[in-house]
Amino acid sequence: MTAQEAQLKRKSPPMAMMTQSIALEHVSIAARIAAVFSKANDAWQQRRTIALLESLSDHELNDIGLSRGNIAQAVRGDL
């Protein structure tokens, strides 16, 4: 048993539950922040990929099976 666990056992049950609840709120907030950053990173990667593909010539796009009109769909996985 860690010192923190022992300290929680010594606290009154409502206080221990409140401490655990606060800890879970911090985890939840951290998870939400991580999710926001992850979504922002995914969106940035998609925009970067779209820009790269749009810089290719029509011939190069045709070589990889794309046309200019379906670049965004291909990047987002809608094809």
PDB file of N, CA and C in Angstrom:
ATOM      1  N   MET A   1       0.850  -1.171   0.000  1.00  0.00           N
ATOM      2  CA  MET A   1       0.000   0.000   0.000  1.00  0.00           C
ATOM      3  C   MET A   1       0.896   1.234   0.000  1.00  0.00           C
ATOM      4  N   THR A   2       0.589   2.151  -0.894  1.00  0.00           N
ATOM      5  CA  THR A   2       1.393   3.366  -0.977  1.00  0.00           C
ATOM      6  C   THR A   2       0.983   4.328   0.124  1.00  0.00           C
ATOM      7  N   ALA A   3       1.801   5.337   0.330  1.00  0.00           N
ATOM      8  CA  ALA A   3       1.511   6.336   1.354  1.00  0.00           C
ATOM      9  C   ALA A   3       0.226   7.079   1.028  1.00  0.00           C
ATOM     10  N   GLN A   4       0.000   7.326  -0.239  1.00  0.00           N
ATOM     11  CA  GLN A   4      -1.216   8.040  -0.655  1.00  0.00           C
ATOM     12  C   GLN A   4      -2.463   7.198  -0.373  1.00  0.00           C
ATOM     13  N   GLU A   5      -2.388   5.904  -0.639  1.00  0.00           N
ATOM     14  CA  GLU A   5      -3.524   5.015  -0.358  1.00  0.00           C
ATOM     15  C   GLU A   5      -3.794   4.958   1.137  1.00  0.00           C
ATOM     16  N   ALA A   6      -2.729   4.880   1.939  1.00  0.00           N
ATOM     17  CA  ALA A   6      -2.885   4.839   3.392  1.00  0.00           C
ATOM     18  C   ALA A   6      -3.524   6.126   3.897  1.00  0.00           C
ATOM     19  N   GLN A   7      -3.126   7.252   3.309  1.00  0.00           N
ATOM     20  CA  GLN A   7      -3.690   8.531   3.708  1.00  0.00           C
ATOM     21  C   GLN A   7      -5.179   8.590   3.363  1.00  0.00           C
ATOM     22  N   LEU A   8      -5.560   8.066   2.206  1.00  0.00           N
ATOM     23  CA  LEU A   8      -6.966   8.047   1.831  1.00  0.00           C
ATOM     24  C   LEU A   8      -7.787   7.179   2.777  1.00  0.00           C
ATOM     25  N   LYS A   9      -7.217   6.070   3.238  1.00  0.00           N
ATOM     26  CA  LYS A   9      -7.934   5.175   4.161  1.00  0.00           C
ATOM     27  C   LYS A   9      -8.158   5.860   5.507  1.00  0.00           C
ATOM     28  N   ARG A  10      -7.209   6.694   5.921  1.00  0.00           N
ATOM     29  CA  ARG A  10      -7.336   7.373   7.213  1.00  0.00           C
ATOM     30  C   ARG A  10      -8.388   8.470   7.161  1.00  0.00           C
ATOM     31  N   LYS A  11      -8.647   9.041   5.993  1.00  0.00           N
ATOM     32  CA  LYS A  11      -9.637  10.107   5.875  1.00  0.00           C
ATOM     33  C   LYS A  11     -11.030   9.520   6.050  1.00  0.00           C
ATOM     34  N   SER A  12     -11.947  10.395   6.393  1.00  0.00           N
ATOM     35  CA  SER A  12     -13.333   9.929   6.513  1.00  0.00           C
ATOM     36  C   SER A  12     -13.825   9.487   5.137  1.00  0.00           C
ATOM     37  N   PRO A  13     -14.736   8.546   5.060  1.00  0.00           N
ATOM     38  CA  PRO A  13     -15.214   8.049   3.768  1.00  0.00           C
ATOM     39  C   PRO A  13     -15.681   9.149   2.805  1.00  0.00           C
ATOM     40  N   PRO A  14     -16.476  10.154   3.265  1.00  0.00           N
ATOM     41  CA  PRO A  14     -16.876  11.190   2.311  1.00  0.00           C
ATOM     42  C   PRO A  14     -15.681  11.977   1.768  1.00  0.00           C
ATOM     43  N   MET A  15     -14.692  12.248   2.618  1.00  0.00           N
ATOM     44  CA  MET A  15     -13.516  12.993   2.174  1.00  0.00           C
ATOM     45  C   MET A  15     -12.705  12.172   1.180  1.00  0.00           C
ATOM     46  N   ALA A  16     -12.578  10.878   1.424  1.00  0.00           N
ATOM     47  CA  ALA A  16     -11.846  10.015   0.503  1.00  0.00           C
ATOM     48  C   ALA A  16     -12.547   9.966  -0.842  1.00  0.00           C
ATOM     49  N   MET A  17     -13.891   9.870  -0.812  1.00  0.00           N
ATOM     50  CA  MET A  17     -14.635   9.841  -2.067  1.00  0.00           C
ATOM     51  C   MET A  17     -14.490  11.162  -2.810  1.00  0.00           C
ATOM     52  N   MET A  18     -14.503  12.287  -2.082  1.00  0.00           N
ATOM     53  CA  MET A  18     -14.370  13.594  -2.707  1.00  0.00           C
ATOM     54  C   MET A  18     -12.985  13.733  -3.330  1.00  0.00           C
ATOM     55  N   THR A  19     -11.950  13.263  -2.657  1.00  0.00           N
ATOM     56  CA  THR A  19     -10.594  13.321  -3.181  1.00  0.00           C
ATOM     57  C   THR A  19     -10.482  12.496  -4.463  1.00  0.00           C
ATOM     58  N   GLN A  20     -11.092  11.307  -4.454  1.00  0.00           N
ATOM     59  CA  GLN A  20     -11.072  10.471  -5.650  1.00  0.00           C
ATOM     60  C   GLN A  20     -11.845  11.132  -6.784  1.00  0.00           C
ATOM     61  N   SER A  21     -12.967  11.783  -6.457  1.00  0.00           N
ATOM     62  CA  SER A  21     -13.776  12.461  -7.461  1.00  0.00           C
ATOM     63  C   SER A  21     -12.987  13.599  -8.101  1.00  0.00           C
ATOM     64  N   ILE A  22     -12.277  14.358  -7.281  1.00  0.00           N
ATOM     65  CA  ILE A  22     -11.463  15.453  -7.808  1.00  0.00           C
ATOM     66  C   ILE A  22     -10.367  14.908  -8.712  1.00  0.00           C
ATOM     67  N   ALA A  23      -9.758  13.809  -8.304  1.00  0.00           N
ATOM     68  CA  ALA A  23      -8.713  13.198  -9.126  1.00  0.00           C
ATOM     69  C   ALA A  23      -9.280  12.753 -10.470  1.00  0.00           C
ATOM     70  N   LEU A  24     -10.481  12.175 -10.460  1.00  0.00           N
ATOM     71  CA  LEU A  24     -11.112  11.749 -11.713  1.00  0.00           C
ATOM     72  C   LEU A  24     -11.452  12.935 -12.596  1.00  0.00           C
ATOM     73  N   GLU A  25     -11.857  14.067 -11.999  1.00  0.00           N
ATOM     74  CA  GLU A  25     -12.143  15.269 -12.780  1.00  0.00           C
ATOM     75  C   GLU A  25     -10.883  15.749 -13.486  1.00  0.00           C
ATOM     76  N   HIS A  26      -9.740  15.687 -12.804  1.00  0.00           N
ATOM     77  CA  HIS A  26      -8.487  16.105 -13.420  1.00  0.00           C
ATOM     78  C   HIS A  26      -8.140  15.193 -14.584  1.00  0.00           C
ATOM     79  N   VAL A  27      -8.364  13.903 -14.431  1.00  0.00           N
ATOM     80  CA  VAL A  27      -8.097  12.966 -15.516  1.00  0.00           C
ATOM     81  C   VAL A  27      -9.022  13.261 -16.677  1.00  0.00           C
ATOM     82  N   SER A  28     -10.279  13.533 -16.378  1.00  0.00           N
ATOM     83  CA  SER A  28     -11.251  13.821 -17.419  1.00  0.00           C
ATOM     84  C   SER A  28     -10.876  15.104 -18.168  1.00  0.00           C
ATOM     85  N   ILE A  29     -10.468  16.116 -17.458  1.00  0.00           N
ATOM     86  CA  ILE A  29     -10.059  17.365 -18.096  1.00  0.00           C
ATOM     87  C   ILE A  29      -8.824  17.129 -18.952  1.00  0.00           C
ATOM     88  N   ALA A  30      -7.865  16.383 -18.428  1.00  0.00           N
ATOM     89  CA  ALA A  30      -6.650  16.090 -19.201  1.00  0.00           C
ATOM     90  C   ALA A  30      -6.996  15.290 -20.456  1.00  0.00           C
ATOM     91  N   ALA A  31      -7.920  14.350 -20.329  1.00  0.00           N
ATOM     92  CA  ALA A  31      -8.329  13.553 -21.492  1.00  0.00           C
ATOM     93  C   ALA A  31      -9.014  14.424 -22.535  1.00  0.00           C
ATOM     94  N   ARG A  32      -9.834  15.357 -22.078  1.00  0.00           N
ATOM     95  CA  ARG A  32     -10.510  16.271 -23.022  1.00  0.00           C
ATOM     96  C   ARG A  32      -9.507  17.154 -23.742  1.00  0.00           C
ATOM     97  N   ILE A  33      -8.543  17.673 -23.001  1.00  0.00           N
ATOM     98  CA  ILE A  33      -7.516  18.528 -23.616  1.00  0.00           C
ATOM     99  C   ILE A  33      -6.714  17.716 -24.628  1.00  0.00           C
ATOM    100  N   ALA A  34      -6.345  16.501 -24.268  1.00  0.00           N
ATOM    101  CA  ALA A  34      -5.603  15.637 -25.189  1.00  0.00           C
ATOM    102  C   ALA A  34      -6.420  15.362 -26.442  1.00  0.00           C
ATOM    103  N   ALA A  35      -7.721  15.150 -26.291  1.00  0.00           N
ATOM    104  CA  ALA A  35      -8.587  14.890 -27.443  1.00  0.00           C
ATOM    105  C   ALA A  35      -8.664  16.102 -28.363  1.00  0.00           C
ATOM    106  N   VAL A  36      -8.729  17.285 -27.787  1.00  0.00           N
ATOM    107  CA  VAL A  36      -8.768  18.508 -28.594  1.00  0.00           C
ATOM    108  C   VAL A  36      -7.478  18.654 -29.393  1.00  0.00           C
ATOM    109  N   PHE A  37      -6.353  18.447 -28.736  1.00  0.00           N
ATOM    110  CA  PHE A  37      -5.071  18.548 -29.438  1.00  0.00           C
ATOM    111  C   PHE A  37      -4.939  17.468 -30.505  1.00  0.00           C
ATOM    112  N   SER A  38      -5.433  16.294 -30.234  1.00  0.00           N
ATOM    113  CA  SER A  38      -5.374  15.208 -31.203  1.00  0.00           C
ATOM    114  C   SER A  38      -6.213  15.535 -32.441  1.00  0.00           C
ATOM    115  N   LYS A  39      -7.420  16.058 -32.223  1.00  0.00           N
ATOM    116  CA  LYS A  39      -8.277  16.440 -33.349  1.00  0.00           C
ATOM    117  C   LYS A  39      -7.661  17.578 -34.144  1.00  0.00           C
ATOM    118  N   ALA A  40      -7.075  18.541 -33.456  1.00  0.00           N
ATOM    119  CA  ALA A  40      -6.428  19.658 -34.153  1.00  0.00           C
ATOM    120  C   ALA A  40      -5.253  19.162 -34.982  1.00  0.00           C
ATOM    121  N   ASN A  41      -4.480  18.229 -34.434  1.00  0.00           N
ATOM    122  CA  ASN A  41      -3.349  17.666 -35.164  1.00  0.00           C
ATOM    123  C   ASN A  41      -3.829  16.887 -36.389  1.00  0.00           C
ATOM    124  N   ASP A  42      -4.897  16.106 -36.222  1.00  0.00           N
ATOM    125  CA  ASP A  42      -5.449  15.351 -37.358  1.00  0.00           C
ATOM    126  C   ASP A  42      -5.905  16.294 -38.466  1.00  0.00           C
ATOM    127  N   ALA A  43      -6.592  17.375 -38.084  1.00  0.00           N
ATOM    128  CA  ALA A  43      -7.070  18.345 -39.074  1.00  0.00           C
ATOM    129  C   ALA A  43      -5.892  19.002 -39.790  1.00  0.00           C
ATOM    130  N   TRP A  44      -4.859  19.343 -39.031  1.00  0.00           N
ATOM    131  CA  TRP A  44      -3.671  19.956 -39.632  1.00  0.00           C
ATOM    132  C   TRP A  44      -3.009  18.998 -40.620  1.00  0.00           C
ATOM    133  N   GLN A  45      -2.895  17.730 -40.243  1.00  0.00           N
ATOM    134  CA  GLN A  45      -2.296  16.730 -41.136  1.00  0.00           C
ATOM    135  C   GLN A  45      -3.125  16.578 -42.410  1.00  0.00           C
ATOM    136  N   GLN A  46      -4.442  16.599 -42.282  1.00  0.00           N
ATOM    137  CA  GLN A  46      -5.299  16.485 -43.463  1.00  0.00           C
ATOM    138  C   GLN A  46      -5.111  17.680 -44.390  1.00  0.00           C
ATOM    139  N   ARG A  47      -5.087  18.889 -43.815  1.00  0.00           N
ATOM    140  CA  ARG A  47      -4.883  20.090 -44.645  1.00  0.00           C
ATOM    141  C   ARG A  47      -3.526  20.050 -45.336  1.00  0.00           C
ATOM    142  N   ARG A  48      -2.526  19.587 -44.622  1.00  0.00           N
ATOM    143  CA  ARG A  48      -1.180  19.486 -45.189  1.00  0.00           C
ATOM    144  C   ARG A  48      -1.147  18.478 -46.346  1.00  0.00           C
ATOM    145  N   THR A  49      -1.796  17.341 -46.162  1.00  0.00           N
ATOM    146  CA  THR A  49      -1.852  16.315 -47.210  1.00  0.00           C
ATOM    147  C   THR A  49      -2.618  16.823 -48.420  1.00  0.00           C
ATOM    148  N   ILE A  50      -3.743  17.501 -48.177  1.00  0.00           N
ATOM    149  CA  ILE A  50      -4.526  18.063 -49.280  1.00  0.00           C
ATOM    150  C   ILE A  50      -3.679  19.065 -50.059  1.00  0.00           C
ATOM    151  N   ALA A  51      -2.973  19.943 -49.360  1.00  0.00           N
ATOM    152  CA  ALA A  51      -2.131  20.936 -50.026  1.00  0.00           C
ATOM    153  C   ALA A  51      -1.046  20.262 -50.862  1.00  0.00           C
ATOM    154  N   LEU A  52      -0.454  19.209 -50.335  1.00  0.00           N
ATOM    155  CA  LEU A  52       0.582  18.487 -51.065  1.00  0.00           C
ATOM    156  C   LEU A  52       0.011  17.862 -52.332  1.00  0.00           C
ATOM    157  N   LEU A  53      -1.128  17.197 -52.205  1.00  0.00           N
ATOM    158  CA  LEU A  53      -1.741  16.563 -53.375  1.00  0.00           C
ATOM    159  C   LEU A  53      -2.197  17.596 -54.404  1.00  0.00           C
ATOM    160  N   GLU A  54      -2.688  18.739 -53.932  1.00  0.00           N
ATOM    161  CA  GLU A  54      -3.113  19.787 -54.857  1.00  0.00           C
ATOM    162  C   GLU A  54      -1.938  20.398 -55.611  1.00  0.00           C
ATOM    163  N   SER A  55      -0.740  20.248 -55.072  1.00  0.00           N
ATOM    164  CA  SER A  55       0.439  20.793 -55.755  1.00  0.00           C
ATOM    165  C   SER A  55       0.916  19.876 -56.891  1.00  0.00           C
ATOM    166  N   LEU A  56       0.395  18.641 -56.944  1.00  0.00           N
ATOM    167  CA  LEU A  56       0.781  17.717 -58.016  1.00  0.00           C
ATOM    168  C   LEU A  56       0.075  18.086 -59.316  1.00  0.00           C
ATOM    169  N   SER A  57       0.683  17.691 -60.421  1.00  0.00           N
ATOM    170  CA  SER A  57       0.053  17.923 -61.726  1.00  0.00           C
ATOM    171  C   SER A  57      -1.093  16.933 -61.916  1.00  0.00           C
ATOM    172  N   ASP A  58      -1.945  17.235 -62.900  1.00  0.00           N
ATOM    173  CA  ASP A  58      -3.054  16.323 -63.204  1.00  0.00           C
ATOM    174  C   ASP A  58      -2.536  14.943 -63.600  1.00  0.00           C
ATOM    175  N   HIS A  59      -1.432  14.921 -64.331  1.00  0.00           N
ATOM    176  CA  HIS A  59      -0.837  13.641 -64.754  1.00  0.00           C
ATOM    177  C   HIS A  59      -0.372  12.831 -63.536  1.00  0.00           C
ATOM    178  N   GLU A  60       0.284  13.502 -62.584  1.00  0.00           N
ATOM    179  CA  GLU A  60       0.754  12.813 -61.377  1.00  0.00           C
ATOM    180  C   GLU A  60      -0.423  12.301 -60.534  1.00  0.00           C
ATOM    181  N   LEU A  61      -1.476  13.119 -60.452  1.00  0.00           N
ATOM    182  CA  LEU A  61      -2.661  12.676 -59.715  1.00  0.00           C
ATOM    183  C   LEU A  61      -3.288  11.461 -60.385  1.00  0.00           C
ATOM    184  N   ASN A  62      -3.352  11.483 -61.712  1.00  0.00           N
ATOM    185  CA  ASN A  62      -3.912  10.350 -62.453  1.00  0.00           C
ATOM    186  C   ASN A  62      -3.082   9.092 -62.222  1.00  0.00           C
ATOM    187  N   ASP A  63      -1.770   9.244 -62.114  1.00  0.00           N
ATOM    188  CA  ASP A  63      -0.897   8.098 -61.861  1.00  0.00           C
ATOM    189  C   ASP A  63      -1.216   7.395 -60.540  1.00  0.00           C
ATOM    190  N   ILE A  64      -1.677   8.156 -59.561  1.00  0.00           N
ATOM    191  CA  ILE A  64      -2.004   7.550 -58.265  1.00  0.00           C
ATOM    192  C   ILE A  64      -3.512   7.326 -58.103  1.00  0.00           C
ATOM    193  N   GLY A  65      -4.241   7.484 -59.197  1.00  0.00           N
ATOM    194  CA  GLY A  65      -5.666   7.169 -59.197  1.00  0.00           C
ATOM    195  C   GLY A  65      -6.572   8.242 -58.626  1.00  0.00           C
ATOM    196  N   LEU A  66      -6.117   9.483 -58.647  1.00  0.00           N
ATOM    197  CA  LEU A  66      -6.926  10.591 -58.137  1.00  0.00           C
ATOM    198  C   LEU A  66      -7.173  11.619 -59.219  1.00  0.00           C
ATOM    199  N   SER A  67      -8.207  12.389 -59.016  1.00  0.00           N
ATOM    200  CA  SER A  67      -8.426  13.576 -59.844  1.00  0.00           C
ATOM    201  C   SER A  67      -8.477  14.763 -58.894  1.00  0.00           C
ATOM    202  N   ARG A  68      -8.356  15.943 -59.433  1.00  0.00           N
ATOM    203  CA  ARG A  68      -8.345  17.144 -58.608  1.00  0.00           C
ATOM    204  C   ARG A  68      -9.633  17.275 -57.785  1.00  0.00           C
ATOM    205  N   GLY A  69     -10.725  16.798 -58.339  1.00  0.00           N
ATOM    206  CA  GLY A  69     -12.018  16.935 -57.672  1.00  0.00           C
ATOM    207  C   GLY A  69     -12.224  16.009 -56.487  1.00  0.00           C
ATOM    208  N   ASN A  70     -11.444  14.952 -56.379  1.00  0.00           N
ATOM    209  CA  ASN A  70     -11.679  14.035 -55.254  1.00  0.00           C
ATOM    210  C   ASN A  70     -10.510  13.952 -54.277  1.00  0.00           C
ATOM    211  N   ILE A  71      -9.640  14.940 -54.271  1.00  0.00           N
ATOM    212  CA  ILE A  71      -8.499  14.947 -53.343  1.00  0.00           C
ATOM    213  C   ILE A  71      -8.977  14.977 -51.893  1.00  0.00           C
ATOM    214  N   ALA A  72      -9.858  15.906 -51.573  1.00  0.00           N
ATOM    215  CA  ALA A  72     -10.317  16.037 -50.187  1.00  0.00           C
ATOM    216  C   ALA A  72     -11.042  14.775 -49.732  1.00  0.00           C
ATOM    217  N   GLN A  73     -11.848  14.199 -50.603  1.00  0.00           N
ATOM    218  CA  GLN A  73     -12.553  12.958 -50.255  1.00  0.00           C
ATOM    219  C   GLN A  73     -11.561  11.833 -49.991  1.00  0.00           C
ATOM    220  N   ALA A  74     -10.534  11.740 -50.810  1.00  0.00           N
ATOM    221  CA  ALA A  74      -9.539  10.683 -50.639  1.00  0.00           C
ATOM    222  C   ALA A  74      -8.800  10.834 -49.322  1.00  0.00           C
ATOM    223  N   VAL A  75      -8.453  12.065 -48.973  1.00  0.00           N
ATOM    224  CA  VAL A  75      -7.703  12.310 -47.732  1.00  0.00           C
ATOM    225  C   VAL A  75      -8.575  12.000 -46.513  1.00  0.00           C
ATOM    226  N   ARG A  76      -9.846  12.351 -46.594  1.00  0.00           N
ATOM    227  CA  ARG A  76     -10.752  12.125 -45.450  1.00  0.00           C
ATOM    228  C   ARG A  76     -11.273  10.693 -45.391  1.00  0.00           C
ATOM    229  N   GLY A  77     -10.980   9.906 -46.414  1.00  0.00           N
ATOM    230  CA  GLY A  77     -11.395   8.500 -46.417  1.00  0.00           C
ATOM    231  C   GLY A  77     -12.807   8.289 -46.924  1.00  0.00           C
ATOM    232  N   ASP A  78     -13.361   9.259 -47.640  1.00  0.00           N
ATOM    233  CA  ASP A  78     -14.730   9.146 -48.134  1.00  0.00           C
ATOM    234  C   ASP A  78     -14.820   8.486 -49.496  1.00  0.00           C
ATOM    235  N   LEU A  79     -13.716   8.115 -50.088  1.00  0.00           N
ATOM    236  CA  LEU A  79     -13.751   7.496 -51.421  1.00  0.00           C
ATOM    237  C   LEU A  79     -14.028   6.018 -51.331  1.00  0.00           C
TER     238      LEU A  79
END
